[in-house]
Amino acid sequence: MLSHLPAYAQQDQVESRRKIVNKVVPIYPLLAQKMGIAGSVRIEALVMPNGTVKSAVVLGGHPVLAQAALDAVRRCKWEAAQHETKELFILNFHPE
């Protein structure tokens, strides 16, 4: 039986206009672990001036991994800025 393992996932910020101050590592979905699914998920986040995520959308990746990626990005926090910015992430999931 597979336990709820910390994800063998990593998050790469591809395009950044702002410094991330709280990076959240996604939790590797149990279904993906059981199925041996690996891959990347691309996420674009709209970050508000206070550094929190206003919205995030999946640009590509395996559907079983997408929700975990979205959840992680939505919990990230950036430094404050004077206006909203778009931040692009690629999150990589690997079963081990």
N, C-alpha and C. Protein backbone atom coordinates (compact mmCIF):
# COMPACT_ATOMS: atom_id res chain seq x y z
N MET A 1 0.83 -1.18 0.00
CA MET A 1 0.00 0.00 0.00
C MET A 1 0.87 1.24 0.00
N LEU A 2 0.52 2.18 -0.84
CA LEU A 2 1.28 3.42 -0.91
C LEU A 2 0.78 4.39 0.14
N SER A 3 1.70 5.00 0.82
CA SER A 3 1.32 6.01 1.81
C SER A 3 1.27 7.37 1.13
N HIS A 4 0.81 8.35 1.86
CA HIS A 4 0.75 9.70 1.34
C HIS A 4 2.16 10.29 1.42
N LEU A 5 2.97 9.99 0.43
CA LEU A 5 4.37 10.38 0.44
C LEU A 5 4.53 11.85 0.08
N PRO A 6 5.59 12.48 0.56
CA PRO A 6 5.86 13.81 0.05
C PRO A 6 6.14 13.67 -1.45
N ALA A 7 5.72 14.61 -2.20
CA ALA A 7 5.82 14.52 -3.65
C ALA A 7 7.26 14.49 -4.10
N TYR A 8 7.49 13.64 -5.07
CA TYR A 8 8.72 13.76 -5.82
C TYR A 8 8.37 14.69 -6.97
N ALA A 9 8.18 15.92 -6.60
CA ALA A 9 7.79 16.94 -7.56
C ALA A 9 8.67 18.14 -7.29
N GLN A 10 8.95 18.83 -8.33
CA GLN A 10 9.70 20.06 -8.15
C GLN A 10 9.04 21.15 -8.95
N GLN A 11 9.27 22.34 -8.51
CA GLN A 11 8.61 23.48 -9.11
C GLN A 11 9.68 24.39 -9.66
N ASP A 12 9.59 24.69 -10.94
CA ASP A 12 10.52 25.61 -11.57
C ASP A 12 9.75 26.84 -12.01
N GLN A 13 10.21 27.99 -11.55
CA GLN A 13 9.57 29.22 -12.00
C GLN A 13 10.27 29.63 -13.27
N VAL A 14 9.54 29.57 -14.38
CA VAL A 14 10.12 29.80 -15.69
C VAL A 14 10.23 31.29 -15.98
N GLU A 15 9.17 32.01 -15.77
CA GLU A 15 9.14 33.43 -16.08
C GLU A 15 8.78 34.16 -14.80
N SER A 16 9.62 35.08 -14.38
CA SER A 16 9.35 35.75 -13.13
C SER A 16 9.62 37.23 -13.24
N ARG A 17 8.65 37.99 -12.81
CA ARG A 17 8.83 39.42 -12.70
C ARG A 17 8.98 39.79 -11.23
N ARG A 18 8.60 38.87 -10.36
CA ARG A 18 8.63 39.10 -8.93
C ARG A 18 9.31 37.95 -8.22
N LYS A 19 9.87 38.25 -7.08
CA LYS A 19 10.52 37.22 -6.27
C LYS A 19 9.47 36.45 -5.49
N ILE A 20 9.56 35.13 -5.53
CA ILE A 20 8.65 34.30 -4.75
C ILE A 20 9.20 34.21 -3.33
N VAL A 21 8.34 34.43 -2.34
CA VAL A 21 8.78 34.42 -0.94
C VAL A 21 8.33 33.17 -0.20
N ASN A 22 7.33 32.47 -0.73
CA ASN A 22 6.86 31.22 -0.13
C ASN A 22 6.51 30.23 -1.24
N LYS A 23 7.43 29.32 -1.51
CA LYS A 23 7.24 28.32 -2.56
C LYS A 23 6.63 27.07 -1.94
N VAL A 24 5.57 26.55 -2.55
CA VAL A 24 4.88 25.37 -2.04
C VAL A 24 5.14 24.20 -2.99
N VAL A 25 5.63 23.10 -2.44
CA VAL A 25 5.88 21.89 -3.23
C VAL A 25 4.56 21.12 -3.34
N PRO A 26 4.17 20.72 -4.54
CA PRO A 26 2.91 19.99 -4.69
C PRO A 26 2.96 18.61 -4.06
N ILE A 27 1.80 18.14 -3.64
CA ILE A 27 1.67 16.79 -3.11
C ILE A 27 1.40 15.85 -4.28
N TYR A 28 2.22 14.83 -4.39
CA TYR A 28 2.08 13.87 -5.49
C TYR A 28 0.78 13.09 -5.28
N PRO A 29 -0.17 13.19 -6.21
CA PRO A 29 -1.47 12.52 -6.03
C PRO A 29 -1.34 11.00 -5.88
N LEU A 30 -2.09 10.44 -4.95
CA LEU A 30 -2.05 9.00 -4.69
C LEU A 30 -2.39 8.20 -5.96
N LEU A 31 -3.39 8.64 -6.70
CA LEU A 31 -3.76 7.95 -7.94
C LEU A 31 -2.60 7.95 -8.93
N ALA A 32 -1.91 9.08 -9.05
CA ALA A 32 -0.76 9.15 -9.95
C ALA A 32 0.35 8.22 -9.49
N GLN A 33 0.55 8.13 -8.16
CA GLN A 33 1.56 7.21 -7.63
C GLN A 33 1.23 5.77 -8.01
N LYS A 34 -0.05 5.39 -7.79
CA LYS A 34 -0.48 4.02 -8.09
C LYS A 34 -0.34 3.70 -9.57
N MET A 35 -0.61 4.68 -10.41
CA MET A 35 -0.57 4.47 -11.86
C MET A 35 0.83 4.70 -12.45
N GLY A 36 1.77 5.17 -11.62
CA GLY A 36 3.13 5.43 -12.10
C GLY A 36 3.20 6.58 -13.08
N ILE A 37 2.33 7.56 -12.91
CA ILE A 37 2.28 8.70 -13.83
C ILE A 37 3.37 9.70 -13.48
N ALA A 38 4.13 10.09 -14.48
CA ALA A 38 5.14 11.12 -14.34
C ALA A 38 4.88 12.17 -15.41
N GLY A 39 5.42 13.34 -15.20
CA GLY A 39 5.28 14.37 -16.21
C GLY A 39 5.34 15.76 -15.62
N SER A 40 5.12 16.72 -16.50
CA SER A 40 5.17 18.12 -16.12
C SER A 40 3.80 18.75 -16.30
N VAL A 41 3.54 19.76 -15.47
CA VAL A 41 2.32 20.54 -15.60
C VAL A 41 2.75 22.01 -15.68
N ARG A 42 2.24 22.69 -16.70
CA ARG A 42 2.52 24.12 -16.86
C ARG A 42 1.34 24.92 -16.31
N ILE A 43 1.65 25.88 -15.46
CA ILE A 43 0.64 26.71 -14.81
C ILE A 43 0.98 28.18 -15.04
N GLU A 44 -0.05 28.97 -15.34
CA GLU A 44 0.12 30.42 -15.38
C GLU A 44 -0.72 31.01 -14.25
N ALA A 45 -0.08 31.79 -13.40
CA ALA A 45 -0.77 32.39 -12.25
C ALA A 45 -0.82 33.91 -12.41
N LEU A 46 -1.96 34.48 -12.08
CA LEU A 46 -2.11 35.93 -12.01
C LEU A 46 -1.95 36.30 -10.55
N VAL A 47 -0.90 37.07 -10.25
CA VAL A 47 -0.56 37.39 -8.87
C VAL A 47 -0.94 38.85 -8.58
N MET A 48 -1.69 39.03 -7.50
CA MET A 48 -2.16 40.36 -7.10
C MET A 48 -1.01 41.19 -6.51
N PRO A 49 -1.20 42.49 -6.40
CA PRO A 49 -0.14 43.35 -5.84
C PRO A 49 0.32 42.92 -4.44
N ASN A 50 -0.56 42.34 -3.62
CA ASN A 50 -0.16 41.92 -2.28
C ASN A 50 0.62 40.60 -2.27
N GLY A 51 0.81 39.96 -3.44
CA GLY A 51 1.62 38.75 -3.54
C GLY A 51 0.86 37.45 -3.52
N THR A 52 -0.47 37.51 -3.37
CA THR A 52 -1.27 36.28 -3.39
C THR A 52 -1.79 36.01 -4.80
N VAL A 53 -2.13 34.75 -5.05
CA VAL A 53 -2.60 34.35 -6.37
C VAL A 53 -4.08 34.69 -6.52
N LYS A 54 -4.38 35.45 -7.55
CA LYS A 54 -5.77 35.81 -7.86
C LYS A 54 -6.43 34.68 -8.64
N SER A 55 -5.70 34.14 -9.62
CA SER A 55 -6.21 33.03 -10.41
C SER A 55 -5.04 32.25 -10.99
N ALA A 56 -5.32 31.00 -11.34
CA ALA A 56 -4.29 30.16 -11.95
C ALA A 56 -4.96 29.22 -12.94
N VAL A 57 -4.29 28.99 -14.06
CA VAL A 57 -4.84 28.10 -15.09
C VAL A 57 -3.76 27.11 -15.52
N VAL A 58 -4.20 25.92 -15.87
CA VAL A 58 -3.31 24.89 -16.39
C VAL A 58 -3.14 25.14 -17.89
N LEU A 59 -1.90 25.26 -18.32
CA LEU A 59 -1.60 25.45 -19.73
C LEU A 59 -1.28 24.13 -20.43
N GLY A 60 -0.96 23.11 -19.65
CA GLY A 60 -0.66 21.80 -20.23
C GLY A 60 -0.16 20.85 -19.17
N GLY A 61 -0.33 19.57 -19.44
CA GLY A 61 0.14 18.55 -18.52
C GLY A 61 -0.90 17.48 -18.31
N HIS A 62 -0.51 16.43 -17.60
CA HIS A 62 -1.40 15.30 -17.36
C HIS A 62 -2.54 15.72 -16.44
N PRO A 63 -3.78 15.39 -16.78
CA PRO A 63 -4.94 15.79 -15.97
C PRO A 63 -4.91 15.26 -14.54
N VAL A 64 -4.31 14.09 -14.31
CA VAL A 64 -4.25 13.54 -12.95
C VAL A 64 -3.31 14.36 -12.06
N LEU A 65 -2.36 15.03 -12.67
CA LEU A 65 -1.40 15.83 -11.91
C LEU A 65 -1.81 17.30 -11.81
N ALA A 66 -2.72 17.74 -12.66
CA ALA A 66 -3.05 19.16 -12.79
C ALA A 66 -3.58 19.78 -11.50
N GLN A 67 -4.48 19.11 -10.80
CA GLN A 67 -5.08 19.70 -9.60
C GLN A 67 -4.05 19.91 -8.50
N ALA A 68 -3.16 18.94 -8.33
CA ALA A 68 -2.11 19.08 -7.31
C ALA A 68 -1.20 20.26 -7.64
N ALA A 69 -0.90 20.43 -8.92
CA ALA A 69 -0.07 21.55 -9.35
C ALA A 69 -0.78 22.88 -9.08
N LEU A 70 -2.06 22.95 -9.45
CA LEU A 70 -2.84 24.17 -9.20
C LEU A 70 -2.90 24.50 -7.72
N ASP A 71 -3.17 23.50 -6.89
CA ASP A 71 -3.26 23.72 -5.45
C ASP A 71 -1.97 24.30 -4.89
N ALA A 72 -0.83 23.78 -5.34
CA ALA A 72 0.46 24.26 -4.85
C ALA A 72 0.71 25.70 -5.27
N VAL A 73 0.48 26.01 -6.54
CA VAL A 73 0.73 27.36 -7.03
C VAL A 73 -0.19 28.37 -6.35
N ARG A 74 -1.43 27.99 -6.11
CA ARG A 74 -2.37 28.91 -5.46
C ARG A 74 -1.97 29.25 -4.02
N ARG A 75 -1.16 28.40 -3.40
CA ARG A 75 -0.71 28.64 -2.02
C ARG A 75 0.63 29.37 -1.95
N CYS A 76 1.26 29.59 -3.09
CA CYS A 76 2.53 30.32 -3.12
C CYS A 76 2.29 31.80 -2.83
N LYS A 77 3.35 32.48 -2.43
CA LYS A 77 3.27 33.91 -2.12
C LYS A 77 4.48 34.62 -2.71
N TRP A 78 4.23 35.77 -3.33
CA TRP A 78 5.28 36.58 -3.94
C TRP A 78 5.47 37.86 -3.15
N GLU A 79 6.58 38.53 -3.41
CA GLU A 79 6.80 39.84 -2.81
C GLU A 79 5.75 40.82 -3.35
N ALA A 80 5.48 41.85 -2.58
CA ALA A 80 4.50 42.86 -2.98
C ALA A 80 5.01 43.64 -4.20
N ALA A 81 4.06 44.12 -4.99
CA ALA A 81 4.38 44.92 -6.17
C ALA A 81 3.29 45.96 -6.35
N GLN A 82 3.49 46.85 -7.29
CA GLN A 82 2.51 47.92 -7.50
C GLN A 82 1.37 47.48 -8.41
N HIS A 83 1.52 46.36 -9.11
CA HIS A 83 0.48 45.91 -10.02
C HIS A 83 0.47 44.38 -10.11
N GLU A 84 -0.56 43.84 -10.72
CA GLU A 84 -0.65 42.39 -10.93
C GLU A 84 0.39 41.95 -11.94
N THR A 85 0.87 40.71 -11.79
CA THR A 85 1.80 40.13 -12.76
C THR A 85 1.37 38.70 -13.07
N LYS A 86 1.80 38.22 -14.21
CA LYS A 86 1.59 36.82 -14.58
C LYS A 86 2.89 36.09 -14.35
N GLU A 87 2.77 34.94 -13.68
CA GLU A 87 3.93 34.12 -13.37
C GLU A 87 3.71 32.74 -13.98
N LEU A 88 4.72 32.22 -14.66
CA LEU A 88 4.64 30.93 -15.34
C LEU A 88 5.48 29.91 -14.58
N PHE A 89 4.88 28.73 -14.31
CA PHE A 89 5.56 27.65 -13.61
C PHE A 89 5.49 26.36 -14.41
N ILE A 90 6.51 25.55 -14.26
CA ILE A 90 6.48 24.17 -14.73
C ILE A 90 6.75 23.32 -13.49
N LEU A 91 5.81 22.45 -13.16
CA LEU A 91 5.96 21.55 -12.01
C LEU A 91 6.19 20.15 -12.55
N ASN A 92 7.26 19.50 -12.09
CA ASN A 92 7.65 18.18 -12.57
C ASN A 92 7.34 17.12 -11.51
N PHE A 93 6.62 16.08 -11.92
CA PHE A 93 6.23 14.98 -11.03
C PHE A 93 6.93 13.70 -11.50
N HIS A 94 7.56 13.00 -10.56
CA HIS A 94 8.26 11.75 -10.88
C HIS A 94 7.97 10.71 -9.81
N PRO A 95 7.38 9.57 -10.18
CA PRO A 95 7.17 8.50 -9.18
C PRO A 95 8.51 7.86 -8.83
N GLU A 96 8.73 7.61 -7.57
CA GLU A 96 9.99 6.98 -7.13
C GLU A 96 9.66 5.86 -6.18
